[in-house]
């Protein structure tokens, strides 16, 4: 198999980078995927013909909105610098890019945050 012919993508979460109270187990598992990505990309790069990266989605709308969620969703949009919650297609497009050897064959061992800018926005208590 020619080098760079395949891609492995771990789906982690922005929780690997930031956390809330009482989410230690979830946060640790997502951070662990990022460590696994780095380690495997480094140790297997010379032996196998694949790239390995991690995608860290933030809030992604993965369910139909129920009436009680509409108000929450409107408030949540204000937390995103891009002004909206992510959609599955936002993550899918990055997956397609990372699987295209002609576009990303030199990218390996990286973490890609897909969160509309929430991890770079400072939030101050009101």
N, C-alpha and C. Protein backbone atom coordinates (compact mmCIF):
# COMPACT_ATOMS: atom_id res chain seq x y z
N UNK A 1 0.85 -1.18 0.00
CA UNK A 1 0.00 0.00 0.00
C UNK A 1 0.90 1.25 0.00
N UNK A 2 0.68 2.20 -0.89
CA UNK A 2 1.49 3.42 -0.93
C UNK A 2 1.32 4.24 0.35
N UNK A 3 2.38 4.91 0.74
CA UNK A 3 2.37 5.73 1.94
C UNK A 3 1.29 6.81 1.83
N UNK A 4 0.59 7.10 2.94
CA UNK A 4 -0.43 8.15 2.96
C UNK A 4 -1.74 7.74 2.32
N UNK A 5 -1.91 6.46 2.09
CA UNK A 5 -3.08 5.97 1.36
C UNK A 5 -4.33 5.86 2.23
N UNK A 6 -4.15 5.84 3.54
CA UNK A 6 -5.29 5.67 4.44
C UNK A 6 -5.23 6.71 5.55
N UNK A 7 -6.36 6.90 6.20
CA UNK A 7 -6.44 7.88 7.29
C UNK A 7 -7.25 7.29 8.44
N UNK A 8 -6.73 7.45 9.65
CA UNK A 8 -7.47 7.09 10.85
C UNK A 8 -7.81 8.39 11.56
N UNK A 9 -9.08 8.55 11.90
CA UNK A 9 -9.54 9.77 12.56
C UNK A 9 -10.21 9.39 13.87
N UNK A 10 -9.66 9.88 14.97
CA UNK A 10 -10.30 9.70 16.28
C UNK A 10 -11.23 10.87 16.51
N UNK A 11 -12.44 10.60 16.97
CA UNK A 11 -13.37 11.68 17.30
C UNK A 11 -13.35 11.85 18.82
N UNK A 12 -12.78 12.96 19.24
CA UNK A 12 -12.66 13.28 20.65
C UNK A 12 -13.73 14.32 20.98
N UNK A 13 -13.36 15.38 21.67
CA UNK A 13 -14.30 16.44 22.05
C UNK A 13 -13.51 17.63 22.56
N UNK A 14 -14.12 18.80 22.53
CA UNK A 14 -13.47 19.96 23.13
C UNK A 14 -13.32 19.79 24.63
N UNK A 15 -14.00 18.82 25.20
CA UNK A 15 -13.83 18.51 26.63
C UNK A 15 -12.41 18.02 26.92
N UNK A 16 -11.68 17.63 25.91
CA UNK A 16 -10.27 17.27 26.11
C UNK A 16 -9.45 18.50 26.47
N UNK A 17 -9.95 19.68 26.13
CA UNK A 17 -9.23 20.93 26.35
C UNK A 17 -9.78 21.77 27.50
N UNK A 18 -11.04 21.58 27.81
CA UNK A 18 -11.69 22.35 28.88
C UNK A 18 -12.75 21.46 29.52
N UNK A 19 -13.13 21.79 30.74
CA UNK A 19 -14.03 20.88 31.44
C UNK A 19 -15.01 21.63 32.31
N UNK A 20 -15.92 20.88 32.90
CA UNK A 20 -16.88 21.37 33.88
C UNK A 20 -16.78 20.45 35.09
N UNK A 21 -17.36 20.89 36.18
CA UNK A 21 -17.40 20.06 37.38
C UNK A 21 -18.10 18.74 37.09
N UNK A 22 -17.64 17.70 37.73
CA UNK A 22 -18.26 16.37 37.65
C UNK A 22 -18.21 15.73 36.27
N UNK A 23 -17.22 16.08 35.46
CA UNK A 23 -17.08 15.44 34.14
C UNK A 23 -15.69 14.82 33.97
N UNK A 24 -15.05 14.46 35.08
CA UNK A 24 -13.67 13.97 35.03
C UNK A 24 -13.50 12.74 34.14
N UNK A 25 -14.38 11.78 34.26
CA UNK A 25 -14.27 10.56 33.46
C UNK A 25 -14.38 10.83 31.97
N UNK A 26 -15.37 11.62 31.60
CA UNK A 26 -15.58 11.95 30.18
C UNK A 26 -14.40 12.76 29.66
N UNK A 27 -13.98 13.76 30.44
CA UNK A 27 -12.86 14.61 30.04
C UNK A 27 -11.59 13.79 29.87
N UNK A 28 -11.32 12.91 30.81
CA UNK A 28 -10.11 12.07 30.72
C UNK A 28 -10.14 11.16 29.50
N UNK A 29 -11.30 10.61 29.19
CA UNK A 29 -11.39 9.72 28.02
C UNK A 29 -11.14 10.49 26.73
N UNK A 30 -11.65 11.71 26.64
CA UNK A 30 -11.46 12.50 25.42
C UNK A 30 -10.02 13.00 25.31
N UNK A 31 -9.41 13.38 26.43
CA UNK A 31 -8.00 13.77 26.41
C UNK A 31 -7.13 12.57 26.07
N UNK A 32 -7.53 11.39 26.54
CA UNK A 32 -6.80 10.17 26.23
C UNK A 32 -6.77 9.88 24.74
N UNK A 33 -7.87 10.15 24.04
CA UNK A 33 -7.89 9.97 22.59
C UNK A 33 -6.88 10.88 21.90
N UNK A 34 -6.73 12.09 22.42
CA UNK A 34 -5.75 13.01 21.83
C UNK A 34 -4.34 12.49 22.04
N UNK A 35 -4.05 11.99 23.24
CA UNK A 35 -2.75 11.40 23.51
C UNK A 35 -2.49 10.17 22.65
N UNK A 36 -3.51 9.34 22.49
CA UNK A 36 -3.40 8.16 21.64
C UNK A 36 -3.10 8.56 20.19
N UNK A 37 -3.75 9.60 19.73
CA UNK A 37 -3.52 10.10 18.36
C UNK A 37 -2.07 10.48 18.17
N UNK A 38 -1.53 11.28 19.10
CA UNK A 38 -0.13 11.71 19.00
C UNK A 38 0.81 10.52 19.03
N UNK A 39 0.60 9.64 19.99
CA UNK A 39 1.49 8.50 20.17
C UNK A 39 1.47 7.57 18.96
N UNK A 40 0.29 7.22 18.50
CA UNK A 40 0.20 6.31 17.36
C UNK A 40 0.72 6.94 16.07
N UNK A 41 0.47 8.22 15.89
CA UNK A 41 0.97 8.89 14.68
C UNK A 41 2.49 8.88 14.67
N UNK A 42 3.08 9.09 15.82
CA UNK A 42 4.53 9.12 15.93
C UNK A 42 5.16 7.74 15.80
N UNK A 43 4.63 6.79 16.54
CA UNK A 43 5.27 5.47 16.58
C UNK A 43 5.00 4.61 15.35
N UNK A 44 3.92 4.85 14.66
CA UNK A 44 3.59 4.00 13.52
C UNK A 44 3.83 4.66 12.17
N UNK A 45 4.24 5.92 12.17
CA UNK A 45 4.37 6.65 10.91
C UNK A 45 5.37 6.00 9.95
N UNK A 46 6.43 5.42 10.48
CA UNK A 46 7.44 4.83 9.59
C UNK A 46 7.12 3.40 9.19
N UNK A 47 6.15 2.77 9.86
CA UNK A 47 5.86 1.37 9.58
C UNK A 47 4.58 1.14 8.77
N UNK A 48 3.63 2.04 8.90
CA UNK A 48 2.34 1.85 8.24
C UNK A 48 2.04 3.02 7.32
N UNK A 49 1.17 2.80 6.37
CA UNK A 49 0.88 3.83 5.38
C UNK A 49 -0.45 4.52 5.68
N UNK A 50 -0.51 5.21 6.81
CA UNK A 50 -1.72 5.97 7.12
C UNK A 50 -1.36 7.21 7.91
N UNK A 51 -2.26 8.17 7.85
CA UNK A 51 -2.16 9.34 8.71
C UNK A 51 -3.17 9.16 9.83
N UNK A 52 -2.90 9.81 10.95
CA UNK A 52 -3.78 9.68 12.11
C UNK A 52 -3.96 11.06 12.73
N UNK A 53 -5.21 11.47 12.86
CA UNK A 53 -5.54 12.77 13.43
C UNK A 53 -6.76 12.65 14.33
N UNK A 54 -7.02 13.70 15.09
CA UNK A 54 -8.19 13.73 15.97
C UNK A 54 -9.03 14.96 15.65
N UNK A 55 -10.33 14.78 15.70
CA UNK A 55 -11.27 15.88 15.56
C UNK A 55 -11.92 16.09 16.92
N UNK A 56 -11.96 17.35 17.37
CA UNK A 56 -12.53 17.69 18.67
C UNK A 56 -13.75 18.58 18.45
N UNK A 57 -14.93 17.99 18.26
CA UNK A 57 -16.13 18.81 18.07
C UNK A 57 -16.56 19.46 19.38
N UNK A 58 -17.15 20.63 19.24
CA UNK A 58 -17.81 21.28 20.36
C UNK A 58 -19.28 20.89 20.32
N UNK A 59 -20.15 21.86 20.60
CA UNK A 59 -21.59 21.60 20.59
C UNK A 59 -22.03 21.38 19.15
N UNK A 60 -22.48 20.18 18.86
CA UNK A 60 -22.98 19.83 17.53
C UNK A 60 -24.43 19.40 17.66
N UNK A 61 -25.28 19.99 16.84
CA UNK A 61 -26.71 19.68 16.86
C UNK A 61 -26.93 18.30 16.25
N UNK A 62 -27.09 17.31 17.12
CA UNK A 62 -27.23 15.93 16.63
C UNK A 62 -28.62 15.34 16.84
N UNK A 63 -29.56 16.17 17.27
CA UNK A 63 -30.92 15.65 17.46
C UNK A 63 -31.93 16.68 16.99
N UNK A 64 -33.15 16.22 16.80
CA UNK A 64 -34.22 17.15 16.46
C UNK A 64 -34.47 18.06 17.66
N UNK A 65 -34.72 19.32 17.37
CA UNK A 65 -35.00 20.25 18.46
C UNK A 65 -36.39 20.00 19.02
N UNK A 66 -36.43 19.84 20.32
CA UNK A 66 -37.71 19.73 21.01
C UNK A 66 -38.07 21.12 21.51
N UNK A 67 -39.32 21.33 21.77
CA UNK A 67 -39.81 22.66 22.14
C UNK A 67 -39.01 23.26 23.30
N UNK A 68 -38.71 22.45 24.34
CA UNK A 68 -37.99 22.99 25.49
C UNK A 68 -36.53 23.31 25.18
N UNK A 69 -35.99 22.76 24.07
CA UNK A 69 -34.60 23.02 23.71
C UNK A 69 -34.43 24.29 22.87
N UNK A 70 -35.49 24.80 22.30
CA UNK A 70 -35.38 25.96 21.42
C UNK A 70 -34.81 27.16 22.16
N UNK A 71 -35.31 27.45 23.36
CA UNK A 71 -34.81 28.59 24.13
C UNK A 71 -33.35 28.39 24.50
N UNK A 72 -32.99 27.17 24.88
CA UNK A 72 -31.59 26.88 25.23
C UNK A 72 -30.71 27.07 24.00
N UNK A 73 -31.16 26.59 22.86
CA UNK A 73 -30.39 26.69 21.63
C UNK A 73 -30.15 28.16 21.25
N UNK A 74 -31.16 29.01 21.43
CA UNK A 74 -30.99 30.43 21.11
C UNK A 74 -29.94 31.08 22.02
N UNK A 75 -29.95 30.73 23.30
CA UNK A 75 -28.94 31.26 24.22
C UNK A 75 -27.56 30.73 23.84
N UNK A 76 -27.49 29.45 23.50
CA UNK A 76 -26.21 28.83 23.18
C UNK A 76 -25.56 29.46 21.95
N UNK A 77 -26.36 29.89 20.98
CA UNK A 77 -25.81 30.54 19.79
C UNK A 77 -24.97 31.75 20.16
N UNK A 78 -25.37 32.45 21.23
CA UNK A 78 -24.64 33.64 21.66
C UNK A 78 -23.26 33.30 22.22
N UNK A 79 -23.07 32.07 22.67
CA UNK A 79 -21.78 31.64 23.20
C UNK A 79 -20.79 31.33 22.09
N UNK A 80 -21.27 31.13 20.88
CA UNK A 80 -20.42 30.78 19.75
C UNK A 80 -20.06 32.05 18.97
N UNK A 81 -18.77 32.37 18.84
CA UNK A 81 -18.38 33.55 18.06
C UNK A 81 -18.92 33.55 16.63
N UNK A 82 -19.15 32.38 16.04
CA UNK A 82 -19.69 32.34 14.68
C UNK A 82 -21.20 32.51 14.65
N UNK A 83 -21.84 32.55 15.84
CA UNK A 83 -23.27 32.83 15.92
C UNK A 83 -24.21 31.67 15.69
N UNK A 84 -23.69 30.45 15.74
CA UNK A 84 -24.56 29.29 15.56
C UNK A 84 -23.93 28.07 16.22
N UNK A 85 -24.76 27.09 16.46
CA UNK A 85 -24.32 25.79 16.95
C UNK A 85 -23.85 24.98 15.74
N UNK A 86 -22.88 24.10 15.94
CA UNK A 86 -22.38 23.28 14.85
C UNK A 86 -23.39 22.28 14.35
N UNK A 87 -23.21 21.87 13.12
CA UNK A 87 -24.04 20.85 12.49
C UNK A 87 -23.15 19.66 12.14
N UNK A 88 -23.73 18.47 12.03
CA UNK A 88 -22.93 17.30 11.67
C UNK A 88 -22.09 17.49 10.41
N UNK A 89 -22.60 18.25 9.45
CA UNK A 89 -21.86 18.48 8.21
C UNK A 89 -20.55 19.22 8.47
N UNK A 90 -20.48 20.03 9.52
CA UNK A 90 -19.24 20.74 9.84
C UNK A 90 -18.13 19.75 10.18
N UNK A 91 -18.47 18.71 10.91
CA UNK A 91 -17.50 17.67 11.26
C UNK A 91 -17.23 16.78 10.04
N UNK A 92 -18.27 16.45 9.30
CA UNK A 92 -18.13 15.58 8.14
C UNK A 92 -17.20 16.18 7.09
N UNK A 93 -17.29 17.48 6.86
CA UNK A 93 -16.43 18.11 5.86
C UNK A 93 -14.96 18.02 6.25
N UNK A 94 -14.67 18.15 7.54
CA UNK A 94 -13.30 18.00 7.99
C UNK A 94 -12.83 16.55 7.82
N UNK A 95 -13.71 15.61 8.12
CA UNK A 95 -13.38 14.19 7.90
C UNK A 95 -13.03 13.93 6.44
N UNK A 96 -13.82 14.46 5.54
CA UNK A 96 -13.56 14.27 4.11
C UNK A 96 -12.22 14.87 3.71
N UNK A 97 -11.92 16.05 4.24
CA UNK A 97 -10.63 16.68 3.96
C UNK A 97 -9.48 15.80 4.45
N UNK A 98 -9.59 15.32 5.68
CA UNK A 98 -8.51 14.51 6.26
C UNK A 98 -8.35 13.16 5.57
N UNK A 99 -9.40 12.68 4.94
CA UNK A 99 -9.34 11.40 4.22
C UNK A 99 -8.85 11.56 2.78
N UNK A 100 -8.70 12.78 2.32
CA UNK A 100 -8.25 13.03 0.96
C UNK A 100 -6.73 13.21 0.95
N UNK A 101 -6.03 12.19 0.50
CA UNK A 101 -4.57 12.19 0.52
C UNK A 101 -3.98 13.38 -0.24
N UNK A 102 -4.62 13.79 -1.32
CA UNK A 102 -4.08 14.90 -2.12
C UNK A 102 -4.15 16.23 -1.37
N UNK A 103 -5.05 16.33 -0.39
CA UNK A 103 -5.20 17.58 0.36
C UNK A 103 -4.55 17.53 1.74
N UNK A 104 -4.48 16.34 2.33
CA UNK A 104 -4.02 16.28 3.72
C UNK A 104 -3.00 15.17 3.99
N UNK A 105 -2.38 14.65 2.96
CA UNK A 105 -1.46 13.54 3.12
C UNK A 105 -0.23 13.84 3.95
N UNK A 106 0.06 15.11 4.21
CA UNK A 106 1.23 15.51 5.00
C UNK A 106 0.83 15.91 6.42
N UNK A 107 -0.45 15.73 6.77
CA UNK A 107 -0.96 16.11 8.09
C UNK A 107 -1.17 14.85 8.90
N UNK A 108 -0.48 14.73 10.02
CA UNK A 108 -0.67 13.58 10.90
C UNK A 108 -0.34 13.95 12.34
N UNK A 109 -1.01 13.32 13.28
CA UNK A 109 -0.78 13.56 14.70
C UNK A 109 -1.37 14.85 15.22
N UNK A 110 -2.34 15.40 14.53
CA UNK A 110 -2.88 16.71 14.88
C UNK A 110 -4.28 16.62 15.49
N UNK A 111 -4.64 17.70 16.20
CA UNK A 111 -5.98 17.84 16.77
C UNK A 111 -6.67 19.00 16.06
N UNK A 112 -7.86 18.77 15.58
CA UNK A 112 -8.63 19.81 14.90
C UNK A 112 -9.89 20.11 15.70
N UNK A 113 -9.99 21.34 16.18
CA UNK A 113 -11.15 21.76 16.97
C UNK A 113 -12.21 22.31 16.02
N UNK A 114 -13.43 21.81 16.14
CA UNK A 114 -14.57 22.25 15.33
C UNK A 114 -15.64 22.69 16.30
N UNK A 115 -15.58 23.97 16.72
CA UNK A 115 -16.48 24.42 17.79
C UNK A 115 -17.02 25.83 17.61
N UNK A 116 -16.88 26.39 16.42
CA UNK A 116 -17.40 27.74 16.20
C UNK A 116 -16.69 28.80 17.02
N UNK A 117 -15.51 28.48 17.53
CA UNK A 117 -14.71 29.45 18.28
C UNK A 117 -14.93 29.47 19.78
N UNK A 118 -15.72 28.56 20.33
CA UNK A 118 -16.02 28.64 21.76
C UNK A 118 -14.81 28.40 22.65
N UNK A 119 -13.84 27.61 22.22
CA UNK A 119 -12.68 27.36 23.08
C UNK A 119 -11.70 28.52 23.08
N UNK A 120 -11.86 29.48 22.20
CA UNK A 120 -10.97 30.64 22.20
C UNK A 120 -11.64 31.90 22.73
N UNK A 121 -12.88 31.78 23.13
CA UNK A 121 -13.64 32.94 23.62
C UNK A 121 -13.61 32.97 25.15
N UNK A 122 -13.21 34.09 25.70
CA UNK A 122 -13.24 34.26 27.16
C UNK A 122 -14.68 34.55 27.58
N UNK A 123 -15.12 33.87 28.61
CA UNK A 123 -16.47 34.07 29.13
C UNK A 123 -16.33 34.59 30.55
N UNK A 124 -16.89 35.75 30.79
CA UNK A 124 -16.83 36.36 32.11
C UNK A 124 -18.18 36.25 32.79
N UNK A 125 -18.19 35.99 34.10
CA UNK A 125 -19.47 35.93 34.80
C UNK A 125 -20.18 37.28 34.76
N UNK A 126 -21.51 37.25 34.68
CA UNK A 126 -22.25 38.51 34.61
C UNK A 126 -22.52 39.06 35.98
